[in-house]
């Protein structure tokens, strides 16, 4: 099964010390070009958020995560891609989670700042 990584999920390894790739090893992991763009933009910031984004970019490269091109940006691109491709989404974005649930999309999110769980 495919799983689509949202930008905020790519920040989790540095922010919370959770190895998302270990949990997701059974999945075909992908992200969107719009998420990569957002992560690159965040990586230029100073401080912890910028460092988390740089760590996320490095891990994406190390784990050979595929990038799907999209013209849309933001949550709309993630929702539309997940529905169209029938894939799960790994995110912590509350608004996006509600939209995904409405569309019966499988969700993987961080729980108790310690582990990933399917919903």
N, C-alpha and C. Protein backbone atom coordinates (compact mmCIF):
# COMPACT_ATOMS: atom_id res chain seq x y z
N UNK A 1 0.84 -1.18 0.00
CA UNK A 1 0.00 0.00 0.00
C UNK A 1 0.88 1.25 0.00
N UNK A 2 0.44 2.26 -0.71
CA UNK A 2 1.15 3.53 -0.75
C UNK A 2 0.77 4.37 0.47
N UNK A 3 1.75 5.13 0.95
CA UNK A 3 1.47 6.11 2.00
C UNK A 3 2.10 7.43 1.61
N UNK A 4 1.32 8.48 1.72
CA UNK A 4 1.74 9.82 1.34
C UNK A 4 2.15 10.59 2.59
N UNK A 5 3.38 11.12 2.60
CA UNK A 5 3.88 11.88 3.75
C UNK A 5 3.55 13.36 3.58
N UNK A 6 2.92 13.92 4.59
CA UNK A 6 2.68 15.36 4.65
C UNK A 6 3.95 16.02 5.20
N UNK A 7 4.12 17.29 4.95
CA UNK A 7 5.32 18.01 5.40
C UNK A 7 5.54 17.88 6.90
N UNK A 8 4.48 18.05 7.69
CA UNK A 8 4.67 18.02 9.14
C UNK A 8 5.13 16.65 9.64
N UNK A 9 4.81 15.59 8.92
CA UNK A 9 5.27 14.25 9.32
C UNK A 9 6.78 14.10 9.08
N UNK A 10 7.30 14.84 8.12
CA UNK A 10 8.73 14.76 7.82
C UNK A 10 9.57 15.50 8.87
N UNK A 11 8.91 16.30 9.71
CA UNK A 11 9.60 17.01 10.78
C UNK A 11 9.68 16.18 12.06
N UNK A 12 8.85 15.15 12.16
CA UNK A 12 8.74 14.33 13.37
C UNK A 12 10.05 13.69 13.81
N UNK A 13 10.88 13.13 12.90
CA UNK A 13 12.11 12.48 13.37
C UNK A 13 12.98 13.39 14.25
N UNK A 14 13.14 14.64 13.85
CA UNK A 14 13.96 15.54 14.66
C UNK A 14 13.18 16.07 15.86
N UNK A 15 11.94 16.46 15.65
CA UNK A 15 11.17 17.09 16.73
C UNK A 15 10.87 16.14 17.89
N UNK A 16 10.59 14.87 17.59
CA UNK A 16 10.17 13.95 18.63
C UNK A 16 11.03 12.69 18.75
N UNK A 17 12.03 12.56 17.88
CA UNK A 17 12.91 11.40 17.94
C UNK A 17 12.24 10.09 17.55
N UNK A 18 11.20 10.18 16.74
CA UNK A 18 10.46 9.00 16.30
C UNK A 18 10.93 8.62 14.90
N UNK A 19 11.33 7.38 14.72
CA UNK A 19 11.78 6.89 13.42
C UNK A 19 10.56 6.51 12.57
N UNK A 20 10.05 7.47 11.83
CA UNK A 20 8.84 7.23 11.03
C UNK A 20 9.09 6.19 9.94
N UNK A 21 10.31 6.14 9.44
CA UNK A 21 10.61 5.21 8.36
C UNK A 21 10.63 3.76 8.83
N UNK A 22 10.97 3.54 10.08
CA UNK A 22 10.91 2.19 10.64
C UNK A 22 9.46 1.72 10.69
N UNK A 23 8.58 2.58 11.16
CA UNK A 23 7.16 2.23 11.25
C UNK A 23 6.55 2.02 9.87
N UNK A 24 7.00 2.81 8.90
CA UNK A 24 6.39 2.79 7.56
C UNK A 24 7.13 1.87 6.58
N UNK A 25 8.05 1.05 7.06
CA UNK A 25 8.88 0.23 6.17
C UNK A 25 8.07 -0.72 5.29
N UNK A 26 6.88 -1.09 5.71
CA UNK A 26 6.05 -2.02 4.93
C UNK A 26 5.29 -1.31 3.80
N UNK A 27 5.33 0.00 3.79
CA UNK A 27 4.59 0.79 2.81
C UNK A 27 5.49 1.28 1.68
N UNK A 28 4.88 1.62 0.57
CA UNK A 28 5.57 2.36 -0.49
C UNK A 28 5.38 3.83 -0.14
N UNK A 29 6.46 4.48 0.29
CA UNK A 29 6.37 5.85 0.79
C UNK A 29 6.58 6.84 -0.34
N UNK A 30 5.68 7.82 -0.41
CA UNK A 30 5.78 8.88 -1.41
C UNK A 30 5.48 10.22 -0.74
N UNK A 31 5.86 11.29 -1.40
CA UNK A 31 5.47 12.62 -0.98
C UNK A 31 5.16 13.42 -2.24
N UNK A 32 4.62 14.60 -2.07
CA UNK A 32 4.26 15.43 -3.22
C UNK A 32 5.30 16.52 -3.44
N UNK A 33 5.41 16.97 -4.66
CA UNK A 33 6.35 18.04 -4.99
C UNK A 33 6.05 19.29 -4.16
N UNK A 34 4.77 19.55 -3.88
CA UNK A 34 4.41 20.72 -3.08
C UNK A 34 4.90 20.58 -1.64
N UNK A 35 4.89 19.36 -1.11
CA UNK A 35 5.41 19.12 0.24
C UNK A 35 6.92 19.30 0.28
N UNK A 36 7.60 18.82 -0.76
CA UNK A 36 9.05 18.98 -0.84
C UNK A 36 9.43 20.46 -0.93
N UNK A 37 8.65 21.20 -1.69
CA UNK A 37 8.87 22.64 -1.84
C UNK A 37 8.75 23.33 -0.47
N UNK A 38 7.71 22.96 0.26
CA UNK A 38 7.49 23.53 1.58
C UNK A 38 8.62 23.15 2.54
N UNK A 39 9.08 21.91 2.48
CA UNK A 39 10.16 21.44 3.34
C UNK A 39 11.47 22.18 3.01
N UNK A 40 11.74 22.36 1.73
CA UNK A 40 12.96 23.11 1.33
C UNK A 40 12.90 24.55 1.85
N UNK A 41 11.72 25.15 1.77
CA UNK A 41 11.54 26.52 2.25
C UNK A 41 11.79 26.58 3.77
N UNK A 42 11.23 25.62 4.50
CA UNK A 42 11.43 25.57 5.95
C UNK A 42 12.90 25.32 6.31
N UNK A 43 13.60 24.55 5.48
CA UNK A 43 15.00 24.19 5.78
C UNK A 43 15.93 25.39 5.76
N UNK A 44 15.50 26.48 5.16
CA UNK A 44 16.32 27.69 5.10
C UNK A 44 16.20 28.54 6.36
N UNK A 45 15.23 28.20 7.21
CA UNK A 45 15.03 28.94 8.46
C UNK A 45 16.09 28.56 9.47
N UNK A 46 16.35 29.49 10.37
CA UNK A 46 17.25 29.21 11.48
C UNK A 46 16.44 28.57 12.60
N UNK A 47 17.12 27.97 13.51
CA UNK A 47 16.45 27.41 14.67
C UNK A 47 16.01 25.97 14.47
N UNK A 48 15.20 25.51 15.41
CA UNK A 48 14.81 24.10 15.47
C UNK A 48 13.95 23.67 14.28
N UNK A 49 13.05 24.53 13.83
CA UNK A 49 12.20 24.16 12.69
C UNK A 49 13.02 23.97 11.42
N UNK A 50 13.98 24.84 11.19
CA UNK A 50 14.86 24.71 10.03
C UNK A 50 15.70 23.45 10.11
N UNK A 51 16.21 23.15 11.31
CA UNK A 51 17.00 21.93 11.50
C UNK A 51 16.14 20.69 11.27
N UNK A 52 14.91 20.71 11.79
CA UNK A 52 13.99 19.57 11.61
C UNK A 52 13.71 19.35 10.12
N UNK A 53 13.57 20.44 9.37
CA UNK A 53 13.32 20.33 7.93
C UNK A 53 14.54 19.77 7.21
N UNK A 54 15.74 20.21 7.59
CA UNK A 54 16.96 19.69 6.97
C UNK A 54 17.14 18.20 7.27
N UNK A 55 16.85 17.79 8.50
CA UNK A 55 16.90 16.37 8.86
C UNK A 55 15.88 15.60 8.03
N UNK A 56 14.68 16.15 7.89
CA UNK A 56 13.63 15.52 7.09
C UNK A 56 14.06 15.32 5.65
N UNK A 57 14.66 16.34 5.05
CA UNK A 57 15.14 16.24 3.66
C UNK A 57 16.21 15.15 3.53
N UNK A 58 17.11 15.11 4.49
CA UNK A 58 18.18 14.10 4.47
C UNK A 58 17.59 12.69 4.56
N UNK A 59 16.64 12.49 5.46
CA UNK A 59 16.02 11.18 5.63
C UNK A 59 15.21 10.76 4.39
N UNK A 60 14.56 11.72 3.76
CA UNK A 60 13.82 11.41 2.54
C UNK A 60 14.77 10.89 1.46
N UNK A 61 15.92 11.54 1.36
CA UNK A 61 16.92 11.12 0.37
C UNK A 61 17.49 9.75 0.72
N UNK A 62 17.86 9.56 1.97
CA UNK A 62 18.42 8.29 2.42
C UNK A 62 17.46 7.12 2.23
N UNK A 63 16.17 7.39 2.41
CA UNK A 63 15.15 6.34 2.30
C UNK A 63 14.54 6.26 0.90
N UNK A 64 15.12 7.01 -0.03
CA UNK A 64 14.70 7.00 -1.44
C UNK A 64 13.20 7.16 -1.61
N UNK A 65 12.65 8.16 -0.95
CA UNK A 65 11.22 8.43 -1.04
C UNK A 65 10.92 9.08 -2.39
N UNK A 66 9.94 8.54 -3.09
CA UNK A 66 9.55 9.06 -4.40
C UNK A 66 8.73 10.33 -4.24
N UNK A 67 8.87 11.24 -5.21
CA UNK A 67 8.10 12.48 -5.20
C UNK A 67 7.15 12.49 -6.39
N UNK A 68 5.87 12.67 -6.10
CA UNK A 68 4.85 12.78 -7.15
C UNK A 68 4.63 14.26 -7.45
N UNK A 69 4.63 14.61 -8.72
CA UNK A 69 4.44 16.01 -9.11
C UNK A 69 2.96 16.37 -8.99
N UNK A 70 2.73 17.59 -8.50
CA UNK A 70 1.36 18.10 -8.39
C UNK A 70 1.36 19.60 -8.66
N UNK A 71 0.31 20.07 -9.27
CA UNK A 71 0.19 21.50 -9.56
C UNK A 71 -0.45 22.23 -8.37
N UNK A 72 -1.27 21.50 -7.61
CA UNK A 72 -1.94 22.10 -6.46
C UNK A 72 -0.95 22.22 -5.30
N UNK A 73 -1.33 23.01 -4.32
CA UNK A 73 -0.49 23.18 -3.13
C UNK A 73 -1.32 22.95 -1.88
N UNK A 74 -0.64 22.71 -0.79
CA UNK A 74 -1.29 22.60 0.51
C UNK A 74 -2.11 21.34 0.69
N UNK A 75 -3.01 21.43 1.67
CA UNK A 75 -3.84 20.28 2.05
C UNK A 75 -4.70 19.77 0.89
N UNK A 76 -5.13 20.67 0.05
CA UNK A 76 -5.98 20.29 -1.09
C UNK A 76 -5.24 19.30 -2.00
N UNK A 77 -3.95 19.53 -2.23
CA UNK A 77 -3.18 18.64 -3.09
C UNK A 77 -3.05 17.25 -2.46
N UNK A 78 -2.85 17.22 -1.14
CA UNK A 78 -2.72 15.94 -0.44
C UNK A 78 -4.03 15.18 -0.47
N UNK A 79 -5.12 15.86 -0.15
CA UNK A 79 -6.44 15.23 -0.15
C UNK A 79 -6.79 14.68 -1.53
N UNK A 80 -6.64 15.51 -2.56
CA UNK A 80 -6.98 15.08 -3.92
C UNK A 80 -6.12 13.91 -4.38
N UNK A 81 -4.82 13.95 -4.09
CA UNK A 81 -3.93 12.86 -4.50
C UNK A 81 -4.31 11.56 -3.78
N UNK A 82 -4.56 11.66 -2.46
CA UNK A 82 -4.89 10.47 -1.67
C UNK A 82 -6.18 9.82 -2.16
N UNK A 83 -7.17 10.63 -2.47
CA UNK A 83 -8.45 10.09 -2.95
C UNK A 83 -8.27 9.47 -4.33
N UNK A 84 -7.58 10.19 -5.21
CA UNK A 84 -7.38 9.72 -6.58
C UNK A 84 -6.55 8.43 -6.63
N UNK A 85 -5.47 8.36 -5.85
CA UNK A 85 -4.56 7.22 -5.89
C UNK A 85 -4.89 6.14 -4.85
N UNK A 86 -5.91 6.41 -4.05
CA UNK A 86 -6.34 5.47 -3.00
C UNK A 86 -5.18 5.07 -2.08
N UNK A 87 -4.50 6.09 -1.56
CA UNK A 87 -3.38 5.82 -0.66
C UNK A 87 -3.66 6.42 0.72
N UNK A 88 -2.96 5.91 1.72
CA UNK A 88 -3.06 6.43 3.08
C UNK A 88 -2.23 7.72 3.18
N UNK A 89 -2.47 8.50 4.23
CA UNK A 89 -1.73 9.74 4.44
C UNK A 89 -1.18 9.77 5.86
N UNK A 90 0.10 10.09 5.98
CA UNK A 90 0.75 10.27 7.29
C UNK A 90 0.81 11.77 7.56
N UNK A 91 0.06 12.23 8.55
CA UNK A 91 -0.01 13.65 8.86
C UNK A 91 -0.41 13.87 10.32
N UNK A 92 -0.11 15.05 10.83
CA UNK A 92 -0.57 15.47 12.15
C UNK A 92 -1.46 16.70 12.05
N UNK A 93 -1.77 17.12 10.85
CA UNK A 93 -2.57 18.32 10.59
C UNK A 93 -4.04 18.02 10.89
N UNK A 94 -4.58 18.64 11.93
CA UNK A 94 -5.95 18.35 12.37
C UNK A 94 -6.99 18.63 11.30
N UNK A 95 -6.86 19.75 10.62
CA UNK A 95 -7.81 20.09 9.57
C UNK A 95 -7.78 19.09 8.43
N UNK A 96 -6.58 18.71 8.04
CA UNK A 96 -6.42 17.72 6.96
C UNK A 96 -6.96 16.36 7.40
N UNK A 97 -6.71 15.99 8.64
CA UNK A 97 -7.20 14.71 9.15
C UNK A 97 -8.72 14.64 9.05
N UNK A 98 -9.40 15.71 9.41
CA UNK A 98 -10.87 15.74 9.32
C UNK A 98 -11.33 15.57 7.88
N UNK A 99 -10.68 16.27 6.96
CA UNK A 99 -11.04 16.17 5.54
C UNK A 99 -10.78 14.75 5.02
N UNK A 100 -9.68 14.15 5.45
CA UNK A 100 -9.35 12.79 5.02
C UNK A 100 -10.37 11.79 5.55
N UNK A 101 -10.77 11.96 6.81
CA UNK A 101 -11.78 11.07 7.41
C UNK A 101 -13.10 11.17 6.65
N UNK A 102 -13.49 12.37 6.28
CA UNK A 102 -14.72 12.59 5.53
C UNK A 102 -14.69 11.83 4.21
N UNK A 103 -13.49 11.72 3.63
CA UNK A 103 -13.32 11.03 2.35
C UNK A 103 -12.87 9.58 2.51
N UNK A 104 -12.93 9.06 3.74
CA UNK A 104 -12.62 7.65 4.04
C UNK A 104 -11.20 7.26 3.63
N UNK A 105 -10.26 8.17 3.88
CA UNK A 105 -8.85 7.91 3.59
C UNK A 105 -8.18 7.45 4.88
N UNK A 106 -7.39 6.39 4.80
CA UNK A 106 -6.66 5.86 5.96
C UNK A 106 -5.61 6.89 6.39
N UNK A 107 -5.49 7.07 7.71
CA UNK A 107 -4.59 8.08 8.27
C UNK A 107 -3.59 7.42 9.22
N UNK A 108 -2.36 7.91 9.16
CA UNK A 108 -1.33 7.51 10.12
C UNK A 108 -0.86 8.80 10.78
N UNK A 109 -0.87 8.81 12.10
CA UNK A 109 -0.49 10.03 12.82
C UNK A 109 0.35 9.71 14.05
N UNK A 110 1.00 10.73 14.56
CA UNK A 110 1.83 10.60 15.75
C UNK A 110 0.92 10.59 16.98
N UNK A 111 1.15 9.64 17.87
CA UNK A 111 0.37 9.53 19.10
C UNK A 111 1.31 9.67 20.29
N UNK A 112 0.88 10.44 21.28
CA UNK A 112 1.62 10.64 22.53
C UNK A 112 3.07 11.06 22.30
N UNK A 113 3.34 11.64 21.14
CA UNK A 113 4.69 12.10 20.79
C UNK A 113 5.73 10.98 20.84
N UNK A 114 5.26 9.71 20.68
CA UNK A 114 6.16 8.58 20.84
C UNK A 114 6.09 7.57 19.70
N UNK A 115 4.96 7.41 19.06
CA UNK A 115 4.80 6.38 18.05
C UNK A 115 3.75 6.77 17.02
N UNK A 116 3.79 6.08 15.87
CA UNK A 116 2.80 6.31 14.84
C UNK A 116 1.68 5.28 14.98
N UNK A 117 0.47 5.72 14.68
CA UNK A 117 -0.69 4.82 14.78
C UNK A 117 -1.60 5.04 13.59
N UNK A 118 -2.22 3.96 13.13
CA UNK A 118 -3.18 4.02 12.03
C UNK A 118 -4.56 4.34 12.57
N UNK A 119 -5.31 5.09 11.78
CA UNK A 119 -6.71 5.37 12.13
C UNK A 119 -7.59 5.02 10.97
